[in-house]
C-alpha atoms as a PDB file:
ATOM      1  CA  MET A   1      77.888  45.314  84.235  1.00  0.00           C
ATOM      2  CA  HIS A   2      78.284  48.531  86.155  1.00  0.00           C
ATOM      3  CA  GLU A   3      81.542  49.365  84.421  1.00  0.00           C
ATOM      4  CA  LYS A   4      79.821  49.236  81.012  1.00  0.00           C
ATOM      5  CA  LEU A   5      77.204  51.772  82.060  1.00  0.00           C
ATOM      6  CA  ARG A   6      79.804  54.018  83.612  1.00  0.00           C
ATOM      7  CA  SER A   7      82.071  53.816  80.574  1.00  0.00           C
ATOM      8  CA  HIS A   8      79.091  54.591  78.332  1.00  0.00           C
ATOM      9  CA  ILE A   9      78.199  57.747  80.294  1.00  0.00           C
ATOM     10  CA  GLU A  10      81.838  58.826  80.619  1.00  0.00           C
ATOM     11  CA  LYS A  11      82.217  58.906  76.845  1.00  0.00           C
ATOM     12  CA  ILE A  12      80.230  62.150  77.183  1.00  0.00           C
ATOM     13  CA  VAL A  13      80.621  63.391  80.768  1.00  0.00           C
ATOM     14  CA  PRO A  14      83.276  62.598  83.440  1.00  0.00           C
ATOM     15  CA  LEU A  15      81.992  61.144  86.724  1.00  0.00           C
ATOM     16  CA  THR A  16      83.255  60.769  90.241  1.00  0.00           C
ATOM     17  CA  ASP A  17      82.586  57.542  92.093  1.00  0.00           C
ATOM     18  CA  LYS A  18      79.984  59.316  94.223  1.00  0.00           C
ATOM     19  CA  GLU A  19      78.193  60.698  91.132  1.00  0.00           C
ATOM     20  CA  PHE A  20      78.130  57.258  89.523  1.00  0.00           C
ATOM     21  CA  GLU A  21      76.685  55.698  92.647  1.00  0.00           C
ATOM     22  CA  PHE A  22      73.927  58.326  92.587  1.00  0.00           C
ATOM     23  CA  ILE A  23      73.252  57.567  88.910  1.00  0.00           C
ATOM     24  CA  LEU A  24      73.313  53.826  89.442  1.00  0.00           C
ATOM     25  CA  SER A  25      70.706  54.135  92.195  1.00  0.00           C
ATOM     26  CA  HIS A  26      68.205  55.264  89.561  1.00  0.00           C
ATOM     27  CA  PHE A  27      68.571  52.188  87.373  1.00  0.00           C
ATOM     28  CA  THR A  28      67.303  48.641  87.638  1.00  0.00           C
ATOM     29  CA  THR A  29      68.585  45.712  85.617  1.00  0.00           C
ATOM     30  CA  MET A  30      66.619  43.212  83.612  1.00  0.00           C
ATOM     31  CA  HIS A  31      67.510  40.046  81.790  1.00  0.00           C
ATOM     32  CA  PHE A  32      65.463  38.898  78.795  1.00  0.00           C
ATOM     33  CA  LYS A  33      65.520  35.608  76.947  1.00  0.00           C
ATOM     34  CA  LYS A  34      65.790  35.293  73.204  1.00  0.00           C
ATOM     35  CA  ASN A  35      62.433  35.957  71.447  1.00  0.00           C
ATOM     36  CA  HIS A  36      61.003  37.508  74.636  1.00  0.00           C
ATOM     37  CA  PHE A  37      59.059  40.776  74.308  1.00  0.00           C
ATOM     38  CA  VAL A  38      60.396  43.535  76.517  1.00  0.00           C
ATOM     39  CA  PHE A  39      57.050  45.236  75.892  1.00  0.00           C
ATOM     40  CA  GLU A  40      54.333  44.837  73.302  1.00  0.00           C
ATOM     41  CA  ARG A  41      52.038  47.218  71.476  1.00  0.00           C
ATOM     42  CA  GLY A  42      49.234  48.361  73.793  1.00  0.00           C
ATOM     43  CA  GLU A  43      51.229  47.916  76.990  1.00  0.00           C
ATOM     44  CA  LYS A  44      52.521  50.700  79.232  1.00  0.00           C
ATOM     45  CA  VAL A  45      56.128  51.551  78.524  1.00  0.00           C
ATOM     46  CA  GLU A  46      57.749  51.940  81.914  1.00  0.00           C
ATOM     47  CA  TYR A  47      61.398  52.205  80.936  1.00  0.00           C
ATOM     48  CA  ALA A  48      64.041  53.335  78.519  1.00  0.00           C
ATOM     49  CA  TYR A  49      66.491  50.471  78.068  1.00  0.00           C
ATOM     50  CA  TYR A  50      70.273  50.654  77.821  1.00  0.00           C
ATOM     51  CA  VAL A  51      71.561  47.446  76.230  1.00  0.00           C
ATOM     52  CA  VAL A  52      74.550  45.952  78.051  1.00  0.00           C
ATOM     53  CA  SER A  53      74.544  42.738  76.054  1.00  0.00           C
ATOM     54  CA  GLY A  54      72.322  41.210  73.443  1.00  0.00           C
ATOM     55  CA  LEU A  55      70.275  42.504  70.541  1.00  0.00           C
ATOM     56  CA  LEU A  56      66.733  43.931  70.400  1.00  0.00           C
ATOM     57  CA  LYS A  57      64.466  45.075  67.587  1.00  0.00           C
ATOM     58  CA  LEU A  58      61.845  47.812  67.718  1.00  0.00           C
ATOM     59  CA  VAL A  59      58.875  46.775  65.595  1.00  0.00           C
ATOM     60  CA  TYR A  60      55.705  48.427  64.387  1.00  0.00           C
ATOM     61  CA  THR A  61      52.955  46.085  63.205  1.00  0.00           C
ATOM     62  CA  ASP A  62      50.439  47.672  60.897  1.00  0.00           C
ATOM     63  CA  ASP A  63      46.695  46.904  60.615  1.00  0.00           C
ATOM     64  CA  LEU A  64      47.428  44.242  57.970  1.00  0.00           C
ATOM     65  CA  ALA A  65      49.842  42.483  60.399  1.00  0.00           C
ATOM     66  CA  ASN A  66      52.875  43.568  58.380  1.00  0.00           C
ATOM     67  CA  GLU A  67      55.948  43.952  60.575  1.00  0.00           C
ATOM     68  CA  HIS A  68      58.105  47.056  60.100  1.00  0.00           C
ATOM     69  CA  ILE A  69      61.470  47.081  61.903  1.00  0.00           C
ATOM     70  CA  LEU A  70      62.275  50.626  62.945  1.00  0.00           C
ATOM     71  CA  SER A  71      65.585  49.871  64.593  1.00  0.00           C
ATOM     72  CA  PHE A  72      67.941  47.337  66.030  1.00  0.00           C
ATOM     73  CA  ALA A  73      69.554  47.996  69.399  1.00  0.00           C
ATOM     74  CA  MET A  74      72.781  46.261  70.254  1.00  0.00           C
ATOM     75  CA  GLU A  75      75.342  46.717  73.004  1.00  0.00           C
ATOM     76  CA  ASP A  76      75.842  50.319  74.143  1.00  0.00           C
ATOM     77  CA  TRP A  77      72.540  51.520  72.608  1.00  0.00           C
ATOM     78  CA  TRP A  78      69.389  52.913  74.157  1.00  0.00           C
ATOM     79  CA  GLU A  79      65.908  51.818  73.000  1.00  0.00           C
ATOM     80  CA  SER A  80      62.267  52.235  73.860  1.00  0.00           C
ATOM     81  CA  ASP A  81      59.012  53.410  72.349  1.00  0.00           C
ATOM     82  CA  PHE A  82      60.041  56.928  73.268  1.00  0.00           C
ATOM     83  CA  TYR A  83      56.683  58.498  72.386  1.00  0.00           C
ATOM     84  CA  ALA A  84      54.934  56.182  74.837  1.00  0.00           C
ATOM     85  CA  TYR A  85      57.735  56.483  77.420  1.00  0.00           C
ATOM     86  CA  PHE A  86      57.880  60.282  77.582  1.00  0.00           C
ATOM     87  CA  ASN A  87      54.113  60.775  77.264  1.00  0.00           C
ATOM     88  CA  GLN A  88      53.202  57.868  79.566  1.00  0.00           C
ATOM     89  CA  LYS A  89      50.974  56.356  76.866  1.00  0.00           C
ATOM     90  CA  LYS A  90      50.443  52.803  75.692  1.00  0.00           C
ATOM     91  CA  ALA A  91      53.093  51.404  73.339  1.00  0.00           C
ATOM     92  CA  THR A  92      52.482  51.827  69.612  1.00  0.00           C
ATOM     93  CA  MET A  93      55.374  49.463  68.912  1.00  0.00           C
ATOM     94  CA  SER A  94      56.894  46.305  70.359  1.00  0.00           C
ATOM     95  CA  LEU A  95      60.429  45.715  71.597  1.00  0.00           C
ATOM     96  CA  LYS A  96      61.581  42.128  71.140  1.00  0.00           C
ATOM     97  CA  CYS A  97      64.836  40.342  71.945  1.00  0.00           C
ATOM     98  CA  ILE A  98      66.612  38.801  68.981  1.00  0.00           C
ATOM     99  CA  GLU A  99      69.260  37.494  71.353  1.00  0.00           C
ATOM    100  CA  GLU A 100      69.360  36.885  75.094  1.00  0.00           C
ATOM    101  CA  SER A 101      69.804  40.403  76.474  1.00  0.00           C
ATOM    102  CA  ASN A 102      70.842  42.234  79.638  1.00  0.00           C
ATOM    103  CA  THR A 103      69.714  45.806  80.103  1.00  0.00           C
ATOM    104  CA  TYR A 104      69.735  48.708  82.462  1.00  0.00           C
ATOM    105  CA  CYS A 105      66.226  50.178  82.825  1.00  0.00           C
ATOM    106  CA  LEU A 106      65.458  53.782  83.590  1.00  0.00           C
ATOM    107  CA  SER A 107      61.952  54.875  84.592  1.00  0.00           C
ATOM    108  CA  LEU A 108      60.675  58.275  83.495  1.00  0.00           C
ATOM    109  CA  GLU A 109      60.600  59.414  87.125  1.00  0.00           C
ATOM    110  CA  SER A 110      64.267  58.413  87.560  1.00  0.00           C
ATOM    111  CA  TYR A 111      65.197  60.029  84.236  1.00  0.00           C
ATOM    112  CA  GLN A 112      63.610  63.281  85.371  1.00  0.00           C
ATOM    113  CA  ASN A 113      65.204  63.044  88.799  1.00  0.00           C
ATOM    114  CA  LEU A 114      68.643  62.587  87.251  1.00  0.00           C
ATOM    115  CA  CYS A 115      68.114  65.580  84.954  1.00  0.00           C
ATOM    116  CA  ILE A 116      66.886  67.824  87.753  1.00  0.00           C
ATOM    117  CA  ASN A 117      69.547  66.857  90.284  1.00  0.00           C
ATOM    118  CA  MET A 118      72.583  66.342  88.088  1.00  0.00           C
ATOM    119  CA  GLN A 119      73.402  68.751  85.285  1.00  0.00           C
ATOM    120  CA  LYS A 120      75.961  66.284  83.906  1.00  0.00           C
ATOM    121  CA  MET A 121      73.230  63.740  83.273  1.00  0.00           C
ATOM    122  CA  GLU A 122      70.983  66.325  81.670  1.00  0.00           C
ATOM    123  CA  SER A 123      73.862  67.092  79.286  1.00  0.00           C
ATOM    124  CA  PHE A 124      74.438  63.370  78.700  1.00  0.00           C
ATOM    125  CA  PHE A 125      70.775  62.712  77.849  1.00  0.00           C
ATOM    126  CA  LEU A 126      70.637  65.796  75.631  1.00  0.00           C
ATOM    127  CA  GLN A 127      73.605  64.597  73.605  1.00  0.00           C
ATOM    128  CA  LYS A 128      72.209  61.079  73.364  1.00  0.00           C
ATOM    129  CA  SER A 129      68.850  62.487  72.205  1.00  0.00           C
ATOM    130  CA  ASN A 130      70.511  64.680  69.595  1.00  0.00           C
ATOM    131  CA  LEU A 131      72.476  61.727  68.245  1.00  0.00           C
ATOM    132  CA  GLY A 132      69.233  59.715  68.118  1.00  0.00           C
ATOM    133  CA  PHE A 133      67.467  62.501  66.191  1.00  0.00           C
ATOM    134  CA  ILE A 134      70.361  62.666  63.731  1.00  0.00           C
ATOM    135  CA  GLY A 135      70.294  58.886  63.278  1.00  0.00           C
ATOM    136  CA  SER A 136      66.537  58.889  62.687  1.00  0.00           C
ATOM    137  CA  GLN A 137      66.790  61.687  60.121  1.00  0.00           C
ATOM    138  CA  GLN A 138      69.596  59.889  58.302  1.00  0.00           C
ATOM    139  CA  ARG A 139      67.548  56.668  58.218  1.00  0.00           C
ATOM    140  CA  ILE A 140      64.523  58.500  56.828  1.00  0.00           C
ATOM    141  CA  LEU A 141      66.643  60.241  54.189  1.00  0.00           C
ATOM    142  CA  SER A 142      68.222  56.937  53.257  1.00  0.00           C
ATOM    143  CA  LEU A 143      64.795  55.321  52.804  1.00  0.00           C
ATOM    144  CA  LEU A 144      63.624  58.285  50.685  1.00  0.00           C
ATOM    145  CA  THR A 145      66.687  58.844  48.511  1.00  0.00           C
ATOM    146  CA  THR A 146      68.616  55.619  48.075  1.00  0.00           C
ATOM    147  CA  ASN A 147      67.894  52.330  46.382  1.00  0.00           C
ATOM    148  CA  SER A 148      67.941  48.976  48.162  1.00  0.00           C
ATOM    149  CA  LYS A 149      71.543  48.195  47.166  1.00  0.00           C
ATOM    150  CA  GLU A 150      72.774  51.539  48.515  1.00  0.00           C
ATOM    151  CA  ARG A 151      70.839  51.071  51.776  1.00  0.00           C
ATOM    152  CA  TYR A 152      72.311  47.601  52.200  1.00  0.00           C
ATOM    153  CA  GLU A 153      75.843  48.912  51.533  1.00  0.00           C
ATOM    154  CA  GLN A 154      75.315  51.743  54.040  1.00  0.00           C
ATOM    155  CA  LEU A 155      74.168  49.298  56.672  1.00  0.00           C
ATOM    156  CA  LEU A 156      77.079  46.970  55.976  1.00  0.00           C
ATOM    157  CA  LYS A 157      79.534  49.856  56.293  1.00  0.00           C
ATOM    158  CA  GLN A 158      77.933  51.353  59.433  1.00  0.00           C
ATOM    159  CA  TYR A 159      77.128  48.159  61.351  1.00  0.00           C
ATOM    160  CA  PRO A 160      79.071  45.191  59.896  1.00  0.00           C
ATOM    161  CA  SER A 161      78.506  43.049  62.996  1.00  0.00           C
ATOM    162  CA  LEU A 162      74.732  43.463  62.724  1.00  0.00           C
ATOM    163  CA  ILE A 163      74.650  41.591  59.408  1.00  0.00           C
ATOM    164  CA  GLN A 164      76.023  38.497  61.207  1.00  0.00           C
ATOM    165  CA  ARG A 165      73.511  38.751  64.064  1.00  0.00           C
ATOM    166  CA  VAL A 166      70.138  39.129  62.329  1.00  0.00           C
ATOM    167  CA  SER A 167      68.312  36.880  59.899  1.00  0.00           C
ATOM    168  CA  LYS A 168      68.088  37.851  56.256  1.00  0.00           C
ATOM    169  CA  THR A 169      64.326  38.185  56.638  1.00  0.00           C
ATOM    170  CA  GLN A 170      64.729  40.720  59.483  1.00  0.00           C
ATOM    171  CA  LEU A 171      67.422  42.537  57.534  1.00  0.00           C
ATOM    172  CA  ALA A 172      65.135  42.730  54.491  1.00  0.00           C
ATOM    173  CA  THR A 173      62.287  44.113  56.631  1.00  0.00           C
ATOM    174  CA  TYR A 174      64.562  46.763  58.130  1.00  0.00           C
ATOM    175  CA  LEU A 175      65.844  47.803  54.705  1.00  0.00           C
ATOM    176  CA  GLY A 176      62.301  47.886  53.263  1.00  0.00           C
ATOM    177  CA  VAL A 177      62.950  45.246  50.621  1.00  0.00           C
ATOM    178  CA  SER A 178      61.728  41.714  49.945  1.00  0.00           C
ATOM    179  CA  ARG A 179      63.712  38.692  51.112  1.00  0.00           C
ATOM    180  CA  GLU A 180      64.393  37.866  47.471  1.00  0.00           C
ATOM    181  CA  THR A 181      65.781  41.313  46.752  1.00  0.00           C
ATOM    182  CA  LEU A 182      68.087  41.037  49.722  1.00  0.00           C
ATOM    183  CA  SER A 183      69.299  37.632  48.532  1.00  0.00           C
ATOM    184  CA  ARG A 184      70.267  39.216  45.188  1.00  0.00           C
ATOM    185  CA  LEU A 185      72.160  41.942  47.077  1.00  0.00           C
ATOM    186  CA  TYR A 186      74.118  39.295  49.028  1.00  0.00           C
ATOM    187  CA  SER A 187      75.260  37.688  45.770  1.00  0.00           C
END
């Protein structure tokens, strides 16, 4: 598992063995079973999660109990309720495992320690954050400016393996369409 984390970081910044050992000392690992909640709305969010294997979904449940899937996180992705994580607040969303998952977990204290003591990691996290902001803006624009067929085609082009790993109901929720509409798009 360590080689996956190192490879992930080294896509952005090179590391010596000593630097990687220092970085690794700031992470813990966790294993989650399928359908297990990593955290639920109202709980404290202690970690940001780097997905080594498996698939997670970040969900907001509104006051009418409607589920809204904000994102899916598969291998080599980071996920959390980042508002709650960085502000040390209670979760406004839930993170649930769609598949059995293995993660590296990084506490806010460890995140801050890495940024303060290792400029390479500060650069790494900055680039990851920027890519996350870009992805979020692209998703919002897609929801605002494209129809359901175009959103489905974008998702299929960007993440073809995801289509095979999530149910049609979850896919429909993520795309903001009904299950029936999604079935028509599959045809």
